[in-house]
Amino acid sequence: SFKNLATMALVVQSNFQHILRILNTNVDGKEKIMYAMTNISGVGRRFSHLICKKADVDMNKRAGELSNDEIERIVAVMQNPRTFEIPDRFLNRQKHVHDGQYSQTV
């Protein structure tokens, strides 16, 4: 019964990277960028969706199809989310006990 199942093929371009290194984490290049970023510690689906929007990255792209410029924009938004006007409720360290600061630990 498995004969009737449709299989999808990934068309690999010449500049496709199968494994990306983003913030000291290996990211699978075959996954869509929004879901691939969830492998990074401290990044969930909602936060990665917001990162893609703020970095102007097409969410339908695979992670391996990203250019170096797009990866740099994503890393910049991840490291400084408050400068890109990401609301405090999306950050994973809200109102720290010792200093009262909001931050994103990645």
C-alpha atoms as a PDB file:
ATOM      1  CA  SER A   1       0.000   0.000   0.000  1.00  0.00           C
ATOM      2  CA  PHE A   2       3.047   2.253   0.166  1.00  0.00           C
ATOM      3  CA  LYS A   3       3.268   2.363  -3.642  1.00  0.00           C
ATOM      4  CA  ASN A   4       0.542   4.995  -3.909  1.00  0.00           C
ATOM      5  CA  LEU A   5       2.139   7.462  -1.511  1.00  0.00           C
ATOM      6  CA  ALA A   6       3.559  10.519  -3.192  1.00  0.00           C
ATOM      7  CA  THR A   7       7.137  11.377  -2.350  1.00  0.00           C
ATOM      8  CA  MET A   8       8.551  14.857  -2.548  1.00  0.00           C
ATOM      9  CA  ALA A   9      12.058  15.519  -3.679  1.00  0.00           C
ATOM     10  CA  LEU A  10      14.218  18.338  -2.430  1.00  0.00           C
ATOM     11  CA  VAL A  11      15.759  20.145  -5.385  1.00  0.00           C
ATOM     12  CA  VAL A  12      19.240  21.105  -4.283  1.00  0.00           C
ATOM     13  CA  GLN A  13      20.770  24.275  -5.691  1.00  0.00           C
ATOM     14  CA  SER A  14      24.498  24.781  -6.129  1.00  0.00           C
ATOM     15  CA  ASN A  15      24.820  26.984  -3.024  1.00  0.00           C
ATOM     16  CA  PHE A  16      22.659  24.791  -0.756  1.00  0.00           C
ATOM     17  CA  GLN A  17      24.059  24.077   2.732  1.00  0.00           C
ATOM     18  CA  HIS A  18      22.849  20.874   4.362  1.00  0.00           C
ATOM     19  CA  ILE A  19      23.989  21.927   7.835  1.00  0.00           C
ATOM     20  CA  LEU A  20      24.153  25.558   8.982  1.00  0.00           C
ATOM     21  CA  ARG A  21      25.985  26.777  12.046  1.00  0.00           C
ATOM     22  CA  ILE A  22      23.931  29.498  13.763  1.00  0.00           C
ATOM     23  CA  LEU A  23      24.813  30.650  17.302  1.00  0.00           C
ATOM     24  CA  ASN A  24      26.931  27.535  18.028  1.00  0.00           C
ATOM     25  CA  THR A  25      24.099  25.209  17.006  1.00  0.00           C
ATOM     26  CA  ASN A  26      23.856  22.901  14.011  1.00  0.00           C
ATOM     27  CA  VAL A  27      20.695  23.697  12.054  1.00  0.00           C
ATOM     28  CA  ASP A  28      19.293  21.270   9.464  1.00  0.00           C
ATOM     29  CA  GLY A  29      19.311  22.923   6.041  1.00  0.00           C
ATOM     30  CA  LYS A  30      16.489  20.771   4.699  1.00  0.00           C
ATOM     31  CA  GLU A  31      13.868  22.179   7.088  1.00  0.00           C
ATOM     32  CA  LYS A  32      12.024  25.432   6.520  1.00  0.00           C
ATOM     33  CA  ILE A  33      13.798  28.285   8.286  1.00  0.00           C
ATOM     34  CA  MET A  34      11.054  28.937  10.820  1.00  0.00           C
ATOM     35  CA  TYR A  35      11.122  25.338  12.082  1.00  0.00           C
ATOM     36  CA  ALA A  36      14.878  24.878  11.688  1.00  0.00           C
ATOM     37  CA  MET A  37      15.587  27.756  14.095  1.00  0.00           C
ATOM     38  CA  THR A  38      13.687  25.982  16.864  1.00  0.00           C
ATOM     39  CA  ASN A  39      16.732  23.684  17.251  1.00  0.00           C
ATOM     40  CA  ILE A  40      18.524  26.669  18.786  1.00  0.00           C
ATOM     41  CA  SER A  41      18.183  26.759  22.553  1.00  0.00           C
ATOM     42  CA  GLY A  42      15.838  29.540  23.660  1.00  0.00           C
ATOM     43  CA  VAL A  43      14.037  29.868  20.301  1.00  0.00           C
ATOM     44  CA  GLY A  44      10.514  28.527  19.893  1.00  0.00           C
ATOM     45  CA  ARG A  45       8.105  28.609  16.961  1.00  0.00           C
ATOM     46  CA  ARG A  46       6.486  31.929  17.841  1.00  0.00           C
ATOM     47  CA  PHE A  47       9.825  33.642  18.448  1.00  0.00           C
ATOM     48  CA  SER A  48      11.324  32.224  15.234  1.00  0.00           C
ATOM     49  CA  HIS A  49       8.265  33.408  13.273  1.00  0.00           C
ATOM     50  CA  LEU A  50       8.776  36.898  14.648  1.00  0.00           C
ATOM     51  CA  ILE A  51      12.517  36.787  13.915  1.00  0.00           C
ATOM     52  CA  CYS A  52      11.858  35.922  10.263  1.00  0.00           C
ATOM     53  CA  LYS A  53       9.428  38.813   9.942  1.00  0.00           C
ATOM     54  CA  LYS A  54      11.781  41.352  11.556  1.00  0.00           C
ATOM     55  CA  ALA A  55      14.765  40.130   9.498  1.00  0.00           C
ATOM     56  CA  ASP A  56      12.736  40.229   6.233  1.00  0.00           C
ATOM     57  CA  VAL A  57      13.395  36.563   5.466  1.00  0.00           C
ATOM     58  CA  ASP A  58      10.957  34.517   3.397  1.00  0.00           C
ATOM     59  CA  MET A  59       9.527  31.824   5.683  1.00  0.00           C
ATOM     60  CA  ASN A  60       8.932  29.471   2.756  1.00  0.00           C
ATOM     61  CA  LYS A  61      12.684  29.140   2.169  1.00  0.00           C
ATOM     62  CA  ARG A  62      14.619  26.172   3.424  1.00  0.00           C
ATOM     63  CA  ALA A  63      17.389  26.961   5.893  1.00  0.00           C
ATOM     64  CA  GLY A  64      20.027  25.755   3.442  1.00  0.00           C
ATOM     65  CA  GLU A  65      18.881  28.249   0.801  1.00  0.00           C
ATOM     66  CA  LEU A  66      19.598  31.326   2.926  1.00  0.00           C
ATOM     67  CA  SER A  67      22.315  33.741   1.881  1.00  0.00           C
ATOM     68  CA  ASN A  68      25.004  34.906   4.300  1.00  0.00           C
ATOM     69  CA  ASP A  69      23.317  38.318   4.503  1.00  0.00           C
ATOM     70  CA  GLU A  70      20.014  36.757   5.582  1.00  0.00           C
ATOM     71  CA  ILE A  71      21.759  34.624   8.215  1.00  0.00           C
ATOM     72  CA  GLU A  72      23.528  37.705   9.599  1.00  0.00           C
ATOM     73  CA  ARG A  73      20.214  39.575   9.839  1.00  0.00           C
ATOM     74  CA  ILE A  74      18.616  36.634  11.678  1.00  0.00           C
ATOM     75  CA  VAL A  75      21.516  36.436  14.145  1.00  0.00           C
ATOM     76  CA  ALA A  76      21.359  40.210  14.721  1.00  0.00           C
ATOM     77  CA  VAL A  77      17.649  40.023  15.577  1.00  0.00           C
ATOM     78  CA  MET A  78      18.196  37.004  17.867  1.00  0.00           C
ATOM     79  CA  GLN A  79      20.994  38.657  19.810  1.00  0.00           C
ATOM     80  CA  ASN A  80      19.293  42.062  20.201  1.00  0.00           C
ATOM     81  CA  PRO A  81      15.517  41.496  20.060  1.00  0.00           C
ATOM     82  CA  ARG A  82      14.558  44.647  21.951  1.00  0.00           C
ATOM     83  CA  THR A  83      16.341  46.916  19.457  1.00  0.00           C
ATOM     84  CA  PHE A  84      14.116  45.459  16.726  1.00  0.00           C
ATOM     85  CA  GLU A  85      10.979  46.302  18.753  1.00  0.00           C
ATOM     86  CA  ILE A  86      10.104  42.726  19.670  1.00  0.00           C
ATOM     87  CA  PRO A  87       7.635  42.876  22.585  1.00  0.00           C
ATOM     88  CA  ASP A  88       8.878  41.852  26.016  1.00  0.00           C
ATOM     89  CA  ARG A  89       6.308  39.053  26.252  1.00  0.00           C
ATOM     90  CA  PHE A  90       8.207  37.111  23.541  1.00  0.00           C
ATOM     91  CA  LEU A  91      11.481  37.097  25.483  1.00  0.00           C
ATOM     92  CA  ASN A  92      12.372  34.054  27.564  1.00  0.00           C
ATOM     93  CA  ARG A  93      13.917  35.982  30.462  1.00  0.00           C
ATOM     94  CA  GLN A  94      11.254  38.402  31.615  1.00  0.00           C
ATOM     95  CA  LYS A  95      12.013  40.813  34.433  1.00  0.00           C
ATOM     96  CA  HIS A  96      15.071  39.109  35.869  1.00  0.00           C
ATOM     97  CA  VAL A  97      15.000  38.741  39.664  1.00  0.00           C
ATOM     98  CA  HIS A  98      18.346  40.433  40.362  1.00  0.00           C
ATOM     99  CA  ASP A  99      18.407  43.344  37.933  1.00  0.00           C
ATOM    100  CA  GLY A 100      14.826  43.646  36.616  1.00  0.00           C
ATOM    101  CA  GLN A 101      15.952  43.537  32.981  1.00  0.00           C
ATOM    102  CA  TYR A 102      14.155  41.849  30.092  1.00  0.00           C
ATOM    103  CA  SER A 103      16.423  39.790  27.838  1.00  0.00           C
ATOM    104  CA  GLN A 104      16.561  36.811  25.506  1.00  0.00           C
ATOM    105  CA  THR A 105      18.901  33.999  26.472  1.00  0.00           C
ATOM    106  CA  VAL A 106      20.043  32.179  23.346  1.00  0.00           C
END
